[in-house]
PDB file of all heavy atoms in Angstrom:
ATOM      1  N   TYR A   1     -52.160  33.800 -16.865  1.00  0.00           N
ATOM      2  CA  TYR A   1     -52.909  35.084 -17.075  1.00  0.00           C
ATOM      3  C   TYR A   1     -54.184  35.099 -16.309  1.00  0.00           C
ATOM      4  O   TYR A   1     -54.935  33.944 -16.364  1.00  0.00           O
ATOM      5  CB  TYR A   1     -53.168  35.410 -18.530  1.00  0.00           C
ATOM      6  CG  TYR A   1     -51.819  35.708 -19.277  1.00  0.00           C
ATOM      7  CD1 TYR A   1     -51.180  34.673 -19.961  1.00  0.00           C
ATOM      8  CD2 TYR A   1     -51.199  36.896 -19.259  1.00  0.00           C
ATOM      9  CE1 TYR A   1     -50.038  34.887 -20.745  1.00  0.00           C
ATOM     10  CE2 TYR A   1     -50.015  37.246 -19.907  1.00  0.00           C
ATOM     11  CZ  TYR A   1     -49.436  36.153 -20.621  1.00  0.00           C
ATOM     12  OH  TYR A   1     -48.318  36.389 -21.332  1.00  0.00           O
ATOM     13  N   ALA A   2     -54.642  36.191 -15.659  1.00  0.00           N
ATOM     14  CA  ALA A   2     -55.798  36.090 -14.800  1.00  0.00           C
ATOM     15  C   ALA A   2     -56.542  37.471 -15.018  1.00  0.00           C
ATOM     16  O   ALA A   2     -55.869  38.450 -15.173  1.00  0.00           O
ATOM     17  CB  ALA A   2     -55.596  35.851 -13.401  1.00  0.00           C
ATOM     18  N   ALA A   3     -57.882  37.416 -14.918  1.00  0.00           N
ATOM     19  CA  ALA A   3     -58.574  38.671 -15.001  1.00  0.00           C
ATOM     20  C   ALA A   3     -59.533  38.905 -13.691  1.00  0.00           C
ATOM     21  O   ALA A   3     -59.778  37.873 -12.996  1.00  0.00           O
ATOM     22  CB  ALA A   3     -59.400  38.727 -16.313  1.00  0.00           C
ATOM     23  N   ASP A   4     -60.045  40.085 -13.498  1.00  0.00           N
ATOM     24  CA  ASP A   4     -60.884  40.285 -12.433  1.00  0.00           C
ATOM     25  C   ASP A   4     -62.206  39.648 -12.497  1.00  0.00           C
ATOM     26  O   ASP A   4     -63.010  39.565 -11.403  1.00  0.00           O
ATOM     27  CB  ASP A   4     -61.065  41.779 -12.160  1.00  0.00           C
ATOM     28  CG  ASP A   4     -59.792  42.556 -11.928  1.00  0.00           C
ATOM     29  OD1 ASP A   4     -58.904  41.899 -11.297  1.00  0.00           O
ATOM     30  OD2 ASP A   4     -59.772  43.888 -12.161  1.00  0.00           O
ATOM     31  N   ASN A   5     -62.486  39.203 -13.701  1.00  0.00           N
ATOM     32  CA  ASN A   5     -63.908  38.509 -13.843  1.00  0.00           C
ATOM     33  C   ASN A   5     -63.889  36.998 -13.474  1.00  0.00           C
ATOM     34  O   ASN A   5     -64.738  36.285 -13.691  1.00  0.00           O
ATOM     35  CB  ASN A   5     -64.296  38.640 -15.235  1.00  0.00           C
ATOM     36  CG  ASN A   5     -63.361  38.058 -16.300  1.00  0.00           C
ATOM     37  OD1 ASN A   5     -62.316  37.322 -15.919  1.00  0.00           O
ATOM     38  ND2 ASN A   5     -63.659  38.195 -17.595  1.00  0.00           N
ATOM     39  N   GLY A   6     -62.647  36.553 -12.787  1.00  0.00           N
ATOM     40  CA  GLY A   6     -62.679  35.211 -12.365  1.00  0.00           C
ATOM     41  C   GLY A   6     -62.096  34.156 -13.493  1.00  0.00           C
ATOM     42  O   GLY A   6     -62.174  33.032 -13.238  1.00  0.00           O
ATOM     43  N   LEU A   7     -61.708  34.612 -14.599  1.00  0.00           N
ATOM     44  CA  LEU A   7     -61.146  33.670 -15.660  1.00  0.00           C
ATOM     45  C   LEU A   7     -59.609  33.634 -15.556  1.00  0.00           C
ATOM     46  O   LEU A   7     -58.895  34.665 -15.310  1.00  0.00           O
ATOM     47  CB  LEU A   7     -61.609  34.203 -16.991  1.00  0.00           C
ATOM     48  CG  LEU A   7     -63.079  34.258 -17.228  1.00  0.00           C
ATOM     49  CD1 LEU A   7     -63.340  34.891 -18.653  1.00  0.00           C
ATOM     50  CD2 LEU A   7     -63.716  33.033 -17.048  1.00  0.00           C
ATOM     51  N   ILE A   8     -59.037  32.453 -15.875  1.00  0.00           N
ATOM     52  CA  ILE A   8     -57.643  32.223 -15.746  1.00  0.00           C
ATOM     53  C   ILE A   8     -57.277  31.466 -16.993  1.00  0.00           C
ATOM     54  O   ILE A   8     -57.990  30.590 -17.513  1.00  0.00           O
ATOM     55  CB  ILE A   8     -57.236  31.408 -14.515  1.00  0.00           C
ATOM     56  CG1 ILE A   8     -57.603  32.132 -13.247  1.00  0.00           C
ATOM     57  CG2 ILE A   8     -55.750  31.028 -14.608  1.00  0.00           C
ATOM     58  CD1 ILE A   8     -57.489  31.288 -11.933  1.00  0.00           C
ATOM     59  N   MET A   9     -56.131  31.781 -17.559  1.00  0.00           N
ATOM     60  CA  MET A   9     -55.553  31.027 -18.679  1.00  0.00           C
ATOM     61  C   MET A   9     -54.090  30.686 -18.357  1.00  0.00           C
ATOM     62  O   MET A   9     -53.267  31.378 -18.061  1.00  0.00           O
ATOM     63  CB  MET A   9     -55.499  31.884 -19.991  1.00  0.00           C
ATOM     64  CG  MET A   9     -54.998  31.136 -21.119  1.00  0.00           C
ATOM     65  SD  MET A   9     -55.993  29.715 -21.680  1.00  0.00           S
ATOM     66  CE  MET A   9     -57.354  30.599 -22.492  1.00  0.00           C
ATOM     67  N   LEU A  10     -53.919  29.302 -18.321  1.00  0.00           N
ATOM     68  CA  LEU A  10     -52.601  28.663 -18.206  1.00  0.00           C
ATOM     69  C   LEU A  10     -52.046  28.550 -19.617  1.00  0.00           C
ATOM     70  O   LEU A  10     -52.736  27.950 -20.448  1.00  0.00           O
ATOM     71  CB  LEU A  10     -52.618  27.425 -17.372  1.00  0.00           C
ATOM     72  CG  LEU A  10     -53.230  27.387 -16.085  1.00  0.00           C
ATOM     73  CD1 LEU A  10     -53.260  25.962 -15.458  1.00  0.00           C
ATOM     74  CD2 LEU A  10     -52.723  28.404 -15.104  1.00  0.00           C
ATOM     75  N   MET A  11     -50.823  28.921 -19.804  1.00  0.00           N
ATOM     76  CA  MET A  11     -50.204  28.659 -21.095  1.00  0.00           C
ATOM     77  C   MET A  11     -48.760  28.133 -21.053  1.00  0.00           C
ATOM     78  O   MET A  11     -48.098  28.391 -20.115  1.00  0.00           O
ATOM     79  CB  MET A  11     -50.182  29.875 -21.892  1.00  0.00           C
ATOM     80  CG  MET A  11     -51.541  30.591 -22.025  1.00  0.00           C
ATOM     81  SD  MET A  11     -51.408  32.206 -22.948  1.00  0.00           S
ATOM     82  CE  MET A  11     -51.261  31.563 -24.669  1.00  0.00           C
ATOM     83  N   ALA A  12     -48.471  27.177 -22.094  1.00  0.00           N
ATOM     84  CA  ALA A  12     -47.144  26.570 -22.128  1.00  0.00           C
ATOM     85  C   ALA A  12     -46.637  26.824 -23.613  1.00  0.00           C
ATOM     86  O   ALA A  12     -47.384  26.661 -24.566  1.00  0.00           O
ATOM     87  CB  ALA A  12     -47.059  25.126 -21.773  1.00  0.00           C
ATOM     88  N   ARG A  13     -45.365  27.282 -23.637  1.00  0.00           N
ATOM     89  CA  ARG A  13     -44.833  27.406 -25.090  1.00  0.00           C
ATOM     90  C   ARG A  13     -43.553  26.521 -25.085  1.00  0.00           C
ATOM     91  O   ARG A  13     -42.611  26.632 -24.295  1.00  0.00           O
ATOM     92  CB  ARG A  13     -44.466  29.001 -25.296  1.00  0.00           C
ATOM     93  CG  ARG A  13     -43.772  29.221 -26.678  1.00  0.00           C
ATOM     94  CD  ARG A  13     -43.684  30.718 -26.973  1.00  0.00           C
ATOM     95  NE  ARG A  13     -42.985  31.541 -26.008  1.00  0.00           N
ATOM     96  CZ  ARG A  13     -42.804  32.774 -26.078  1.00  0.00           C
ATOM     97  NH1 ARG A  13     -43.453  33.434 -26.995  1.00  0.00           N
ATOM     98  NH2 ARG A  13     -42.121  33.505 -25.219  1.00  0.00           N
ATOM     99  N   LEU A  14     -43.400  25.849 -26.131  1.00  0.00           N
ATOM    100  CA  LEU A  14     -42.297  24.929 -26.358  1.00  0.00           C
ATOM    101  C   LEU A  14     -42.149  24.643 -27.862  1.00  0.00           C
ATOM    102  O   LEU A  14     -43.025  24.848 -28.749  1.00  0.00           O
ATOM    103  CB  LEU A  14     -42.542  23.645 -25.580  1.00  0.00           C
ATOM    104  CG  LEU A  14     -43.658  22.825 -26.094  1.00  0.00           C
ATOM    105  CD1 LEU A  14     -43.437  21.179 -25.577  1.00  0.00           C
ATOM    106  CD2 LEU A  14     -45.006  23.149 -25.348  1.00  0.00           C
ATOM    107  N   ASP A  15     -40.991  23.989 -28.244  1.00  0.00           N
ATOM    108  CA  ASP A  15     -40.691  23.575 -29.460  1.00  0.00           C
ATOM    109  C   ASP A  15     -41.326  22.142 -29.528  1.00  0.00           C
ATOM    110  O   ASP A  15     -40.862  21.176 -28.830  1.00  0.00           O
ATOM    111  CB  ASP A  15     -39.202  23.510 -29.781  1.00  0.00           C
ATOM    112  CG  ASP A  15     -38.958  22.900 -31.142  1.00  0.00           C
ATOM    113  OD1 ASP A  15     -39.785  22.442 -31.883  1.00  0.00           O
ATOM    114  OD2 ASP A  15     -37.666  22.993 -31.600  1.00  0.00           O
ATOM    115  N   ASN A  16     -42.236  21.845 -30.398  1.00  0.00           N
ATOM    116  CA  ASN A  16     -42.849  20.516 -30.500  1.00  0.00           C
ATOM    117  C   ASN A  16     -41.918  19.521 -30.828  1.00  0.00           C
ATOM    118  O   ASN A  16     -42.130  18.226 -30.517  1.00  0.00           O
ATOM    119  CB  ASN A  16     -44.102  20.547 -31.414  1.00  0.00           C
ATOM    120  CG  ASN A  16     -43.669  20.863 -32.835  1.00  0.00           C
ATOM    121  OD1 ASN A  16     -43.280  22.002 -33.097  1.00  0.00           O
ATOM    122  ND2 ASN A  16     -43.776  19.965 -33.809  1.00  0.00           N
ATOM    123  N   LEU A  17     -40.786  19.766 -31.433  1.00  0.00           N
ATOM    124  CA  LEU A  17     -39.805  18.812 -31.926  1.00  0.00           C
ATOM    125  C   LEU A  17     -38.553  18.839 -30.826  1.00  0.00           C
ATOM    126  O   LEU A  17     -37.692  18.035 -30.945  1.00  0.00           O
ATOM    127  CB  LEU A  17     -39.164  19.090 -33.226  1.00  0.00           C
ATOM    128  CG  LEU A  17     -40.210  19.001 -34.440  1.00  0.00           C
ATOM    129  CD1 LEU A  17     -39.529  19.091 -35.746  1.00  0.00           C
ATOM    130  CD2 LEU A  17     -41.007  17.573 -34.287  1.00  0.00           C
ATOM    131  N   GLY A  18     -38.576  19.745 -29.889  1.00  0.00           N
ATOM    132  CA  GLY A  18     -37.568  19.814 -28.901  1.00  0.00           C
ATOM    133  C   GLY A  18     -38.023  19.324 -27.479  1.00  0.00           C
ATOM    134  O   GLY A  18     -38.058  17.987 -27.398  1.00  0.00           O
ATOM    135  N   LYS A  19     -38.455  20.097 -26.655  1.00  0.00           N
ATOM    136  CA  LYS A  19     -38.951  19.671 -25.256  1.00  0.00           C
ATOM    137  C   LYS A  19     -40.239  18.711 -25.634  1.00  0.00           C
ATOM    138  O   LYS A  19     -40.616  17.902 -24.696  1.00  0.00           O
ATOM    139  CB  LYS A  19     -39.354  20.741 -24.466  1.00  0.00           C
ATOM    140  CG  LYS A  19     -39.823  20.373 -23.006  1.00  0.00           C
ATOM    141  CD  LYS A  19     -38.810  19.635 -22.292  1.00  0.00           C
ATOM    142  CE  LYS A  19     -39.221  19.409 -20.792  1.00  0.00           C
ATOM    143  NZ  LYS A  19     -38.367  18.396 -20.051  1.00  0.00           N
ATOM    144  N   GLY A  20     -40.935  18.852 -26.742  1.00  0.00           N
ATOM    145  CA  GLY A  20     -42.006  18.142 -26.918  1.00  0.00           C
ATOM    146  C   GLY A  20     -41.737  16.784 -27.786  1.00  0.00           C
ATOM    147  O   GLY A  20     -42.649  15.993 -27.999  1.00  0.00           O
ATOM    148  N   ALA A  21     -40.480  16.449 -27.956  1.00  0.00           N
ATOM    149  CA  ALA A  21     -40.031  15.172 -28.606  1.00  0.00           C
ATOM    150  C   ALA A  21     -38.652  14.972 -28.387  1.00  0.00           C
ATOM    151  O   ALA A  21     -38.243  14.266 -27.404  1.00  0.00           O
ATOM    152  CB  ALA A  21     -40.488  15.164 -30.094  1.00  0.00           C
ATOM    153  N   SER A  22     -37.709  15.239 -29.300  1.00  0.00           N
ATOM    154  CA  SER A  22     -36.443  14.868 -29.381  1.00  0.00           C
ATOM    155  C   SER A  22     -35.457  15.337 -28.294  1.00  0.00           C
ATOM    156  O   SER A  22     -34.710  14.638 -27.618  1.00  0.00           O
ATOM    157  CB  SER A  22     -35.757  15.092 -30.743  1.00  0.00           C
ATOM    158  OG  SER A  22     -35.829  16.477 -30.911  1.00  0.00           O
ATOM    159  N   GLY A  23     -35.739  16.640 -27.906  1.00  0.00           N
ATOM    160  CA  GLY A  23     -35.042  17.255 -26.763  1.00  0.00           C
ATOM    161  C   GLY A  23     -35.287  16.458 -25.485  1.00  0.00           C
ATOM    162  O   GLY A  23     -34.467  16.126 -24.751  1.00  0.00           O
ATOM    163  N   ALA A  24     -36.533  16.148 -25.226  1.00  0.00           N
ATOM    164  CA  ALA A  24     -37.044  15.417 -24.024  1.00  0.00           C
ATOM    165  C   ALA A  24     -36.352  14.058 -24.065  1.00  0.00           C
ATOM    166  O   ALA A  24     -35.957  13.569 -22.921  1.00  0.00           O
ATOM    167  CB  ALA A  24     -38.463  15.371 -24.001  1.00  0.00           C
ATOM    168  N   ALA A  25     -36.218  13.388 -25.166  1.00  0.00           N
ATOM    169  CA  ALA A  25     -35.786  12.148 -25.344  1.00  0.00           C
ATOM    170  C   ALA A  25     -34.206  12.161 -24.770  1.00  0.00           C
ATOM    171  O   ALA A  25     -33.790  11.257 -24.098  1.00  0.00           O
ATOM    172  CB  ALA A  25     -35.919  11.486 -26.610  1.00  0.00           C
ATOM    173  N   VAL A  26     -33.446  13.096 -25.292  1.00  0.00           N
ATOM    174  CA  VAL A  26     -32.066  13.217 -24.987  1.00  0.00           C
ATOM    175  C   VAL A  26     -31.962  13.544 -23.536  1.00  0.00           C
ATOM    176  O   VAL A  26     -31.025  13.059 -22.905  1.00  0.00           O
ATOM    177  CB  VAL A  26     -31.462  14.258 -25.921  1.00  0.00           C
ATOM    178  CG1 VAL A  26     -29.950  14.498 -25.444  1.00  0.00           C
ATOM    179  CG2 VAL A  26     -31.421  13.831 -27.339  1.00  0.00           C
ATOM    180  N   GLN A  27     -32.760  14.472 -23.036  1.00  0.00           N
ATOM    181  CA  GLN A  27     -32.753  14.776 -21.592  1.00  0.00           C
ATOM    182  C   GLN A  27     -32.996  13.431 -20.805  1.00  0.00           C
ATOM    183  O   GLN A  27     -32.197  13.223 -19.732  1.00  0.00           O
ATOM    184  CB  GLN A  27     -33.773  15.825 -21.311  1.00  0.00           C
ATOM    185  CG  GLN A  27     -33.842  16.235 -19.853  1.00  0.00           C
ATOM    186  CD  GLN A  27     -34.926  17.126 -19.473  1.00  0.00           C
ATOM    187  OE1 GLN A  27     -35.671  17.707 -20.276  1.00  0.00           O
ATOM    188  NE2 GLN A  27     -35.089  17.610 -18.202  1.00  0.00           N
ATOM    189  N   ASN A  28     -33.971  12.762 -21.246  1.00  0.00           N
ATOM    190  CA  ASN A  28     -34.152  11.472 -20.454  1.00  0.00           C
ATOM    191  C   ASN A  28     -33.022  10.500 -20.456  1.00  0.00           C
ATOM    192  O   ASN A  28     -32.715   9.756 -19.499  1.00  0.00           O
ATOM    193  CB  ASN A  28     -35.520  10.761 -20.993  1.00  0.00           C
ATOM    194  CG  ASN A  28     -36.755  11.509 -20.448  1.00  0.00           C
ATOM    195  OD1 ASN A  28     -36.834  11.876 -19.330  1.00  0.00           O
ATOM    196  ND2 ASN A  28     -37.766  11.578 -21.300  1.00  0.00           N
ATOM    197  N   MET A  29     -32.383  10.364 -21.683  1.00  0.00           N
ATOM    198  CA  MET A  29     -31.191   9.606 -21.847  1.00  0.00           C
ATOM    199  C   MET A  29     -30.070  10.060 -20.907  1.00  0.00           C
ATOM    200  O   MET A  29     -29.421   9.219 -20.166  1.00  0.00           O
ATOM    201  CB  MET A  29     -30.706   9.624 -23.237  1.00  0.00           C
ATOM    202  CG  MET A  29     -29.417   8.701 -23.569  1.00  0.00           C
ATOM    203  SD  MET A  29     -28.585   9.217 -25.124  1.00  0.00           S
ATOM    204  CE  MET A  29     -27.814  10.792 -24.419  1.00  0.00           C
ATOM    205  N   ASN A  30     -29.893  11.438 -20.865  1.00  0.00           N
ATOM    206  CA  ASN A  30     -28.792  11.973 -20.096  1.00  0.00           C
ATOM    207  C   ASN A  30     -29.083  11.600 -18.594  1.00  0.00           C
ATOM    208  O   ASN A  30     -28.090  11.227 -17.762  1.00  0.00           O
ATOM    209  CB  ASN A  30     -28.678  13.429 -20.220  1.00  0.00           C
ATOM    210  CG  ASN A  30     -28.029  13.935 -21.445  1.00  0.00           C
ATOM    211  OD1 ASN A  30     -27.366  13.245 -22.254  1.00  0.00           O
ATOM    212  ND2 ASN A  30     -28.496  15.184 -21.925  1.00  0.00           N
ATOM    213  N   LEU A  31     -30.248  11.719 -18.168  1.00  0.00           N
ATOM    214  CA  LEU A  31     -30.526  11.434 -16.742  1.00  0.00           C
ATOM    215  C   LEU A  31     -30.380   9.938 -16.413  1.00  0.00           C
ATOM    216  O   LEU A  31     -29.796   9.588 -15.405  1.00  0.00           O
ATOM    217  CB  LEU A  31     -32.050  11.809 -16.440  1.00  0.00           C
ATOM    218  CG  LEU A  31     -32.686  11.646 -15.107  1.00  0.00           C
ATOM    219  CD1 LEU A  31     -32.009  12.425 -14.036  1.00  0.00           C
ATOM    220  CD2 LEU A  31     -34.135  11.983 -15.172  1.00  0.00           C
ATOM    221  N   ARG A  32     -30.875   9.044 -17.349  1.00  0.00           N
ATOM    222  CA  ARG A  32     -30.731   7.654 -17.084  1.00  0.00           C
ATOM    223  C   ARG A  32     -29.224   7.176 -17.071  1.00  0.00           C
ATOM    224  O   ARG A  32     -28.858   6.251 -16.297  1.00  0.00           O
ATOM    225  CB  ARG A  32     -31.483   6.865 -18.207  1.00  0.00           C
ATOM    226  CG  ARG A  32     -31.283   5.285 -17.953  1.00  0.00           C
ATOM    227  CD  ARG A  32     -31.882   4.842 -16.646  1.00  0.00           C
ATOM    228  NE  ARG A  32     -31.736   3.392 -16.496  1.00  0.00           N
ATOM    229  CZ  ARG A  32     -30.653   2.871 -16.163  1.00  0.00           C
ATOM    230  NH1 ARG A  32     -29.496   3.559 -15.806  1.00  0.00           N
ATOM    231  NH2 ARG A  32     -30.363   1.445 -16.030  1.00  0.00           N
ATOM    232  N   LEU A  33     -28.285   7.842 -17.827  1.00  0.00           N
ATOM    233  CA  LEU A  33     -26.981   7.463 -17.923  1.00  0.00           C
ATOM    234  C   LEU A  33     -26.205   8.142 -16.820  1.00  0.00           C
ATOM    235  O   LEU A  33     -24.907   7.891 -16.820  1.00  0.00           O
ATOM    236  CB  LEU A  33     -26.518   7.725 -19.239  1.00  0.00           C
ATOM    237  CG  LEU A  33     -27.105   6.926 -20.386  1.00  0.00           C
ATOM    238  CD1 LEU A  33     -26.375   7.359 -21.720  1.00  0.00           C
ATOM    239  CD2 LEU A  33     -26.887   5.417 -20.139  1.00  0.00           C
ATOM    240  N   GLY A  34     -26.650   8.965 -16.080  1.00  0.00           N
ATOM    241  CA  GLY A  34     -25.950   9.710 -14.978  1.00  0.00           C
ATOM    242  C   GLY A  34     -25.213  10.826 -15.451  1.00  0.00           C
ATOM    243  O   GLY A  34     -24.234  11.334 -14.812  1.00  0.00           O
ATOM    244  N   LEU A  35     -25.598  11.365 -16.588  1.00  0.00           N
ATOM    245  CA  LEU A  35     -24.878  12.506 -17.195  1.00  0.00           C
ATOM    246  C   LEU A  35     -25.664  13.796 -16.824  1.00  0.00           C
ATOM    247  O   LEU A  35     -26.857  13.766 -16.354  1.00  0.00           O
ATOM    248  CB  LEU A  35     -24.860  12.480 -18.717  1.00  0.00           C
ATOM    249  CG  LEU A  35     -24.297  11.162 -19.268  1.00  0.00           C
ATOM    250  CD1 LEU A  35     -24.559  11.151 -20.813  1.00  0.00           C
ATOM    251  CD2 LEU A  35     -22.861  10.980 -18.952  1.00  0.00           C
ATOM    252  N   ASP A  36     -25.029  14.892 -16.905  1.00  0.00           N
ATOM    253  CA  ASP A  36     -25.656  16.206 -16.776  1.00  0.00           C
ATOM    254  C   ASP A  36     -26.914  16.279 -17.797  1.00  0.00           C
ATOM    255  O   ASP A  36     -26.747  16.052 -18.978  1.00  0.00           O
ATOM    256  CB  ASP A  36     -24.742  17.406 -17.083  1.00  0.00           C
ATOM    257  CG  ASP A  36     -25.295  18.825 -16.838  1.00  0.00           C
ATOM    258  OD1 ASP A  36     -26.434  19.047 -17.351  1.00  0.00           O
ATOM    259  OD2 ASP A  36     -24.773  19.403 -15.977  1.00  0.00           O
ATOM    260  N   GLU A  37     -28.097  16.638 -17.254  1.00  0.00           N
ATOM    261  CA  GLU A  37     -29.236  16.656 -18.140  1.00  0.00           C
ATOM    262  C   GLU A  37     -29.230  17.473 -19.290  1.00  0.00           C
ATOM    263  O   GLU A  37     -29.924  17.271 -20.336  1.00  0.00           O
ATOM    264  CB  GLU A  37     -30.464  16.938 -17.323  1.00  0.00           C
ATOM    265  CG  GLU A  37     -31.074  15.805 -16.360  1.00  0.00           C
ATOM    266  CD  GLU A  37     -32.247  16.195 -15.631  1.00  0.00           C
ATOM    267  OE1 GLU A  37     -33.220  16.775 -16.204  1.00  0.00           O
ATOM    268  OE2 GLU A  37     -32.266  15.925 -14.351  1.00  0.00           O
ATOM    269  N   SER A  38     -28.463  18.498 -19.183  1.00  0.00           N
ATOM    270  CA  SER A  38     -28.441  19.571 -20.307  1.00  0.00           C
ATOM    271  C   SER A  38     -27.371  19.180 -21.393  1.00  0.00           C
ATOM    272  O   SER A  38     -27.278  19.842 -22.357  1.00  0.00           O
ATOM    273  CB  SER A  38     -28.079  20.931 -19.694  1.00  0.00           C
ATOM    274  OG  SER A  38     -26.867  20.958 -19.091  1.00  0.00           O
ATOM    275  N   THR A  39     -26.561  18.066 -21.228  1.00  0.00           N
ATOM    276  CA  THR A  39     -25.521  17.781 -22.226  1.00  0.00           C
ATOM    277  C   THR A  39     -26.261  17.625 -23.658  1.00  0.00           C
ATOM    278  O   THR A  39     -27.189  16.770 -23.747  1.00  0.00           O
ATOM    279  CB  THR A  39     -24.864  16.446 -21.792  1.00  0.00           C
ATOM    280  OG1 THR A  39     -24.369  16.613 -20.520  1.00  0.00           O
ATOM    281  CG2 THR A  39     -23.775  16.173 -22.759  1.00  0.00           C
TER     282      THR A  39
END
């Protein structure tokens, strides 16, 4: 988000227990084992 006054806000939305923890862990496991990352 940006305004004409020169201010910018970057924002991220996620599940703190998903991409922020357990989901990311499973994604990393899938990647390391050569599986589809989304499995």
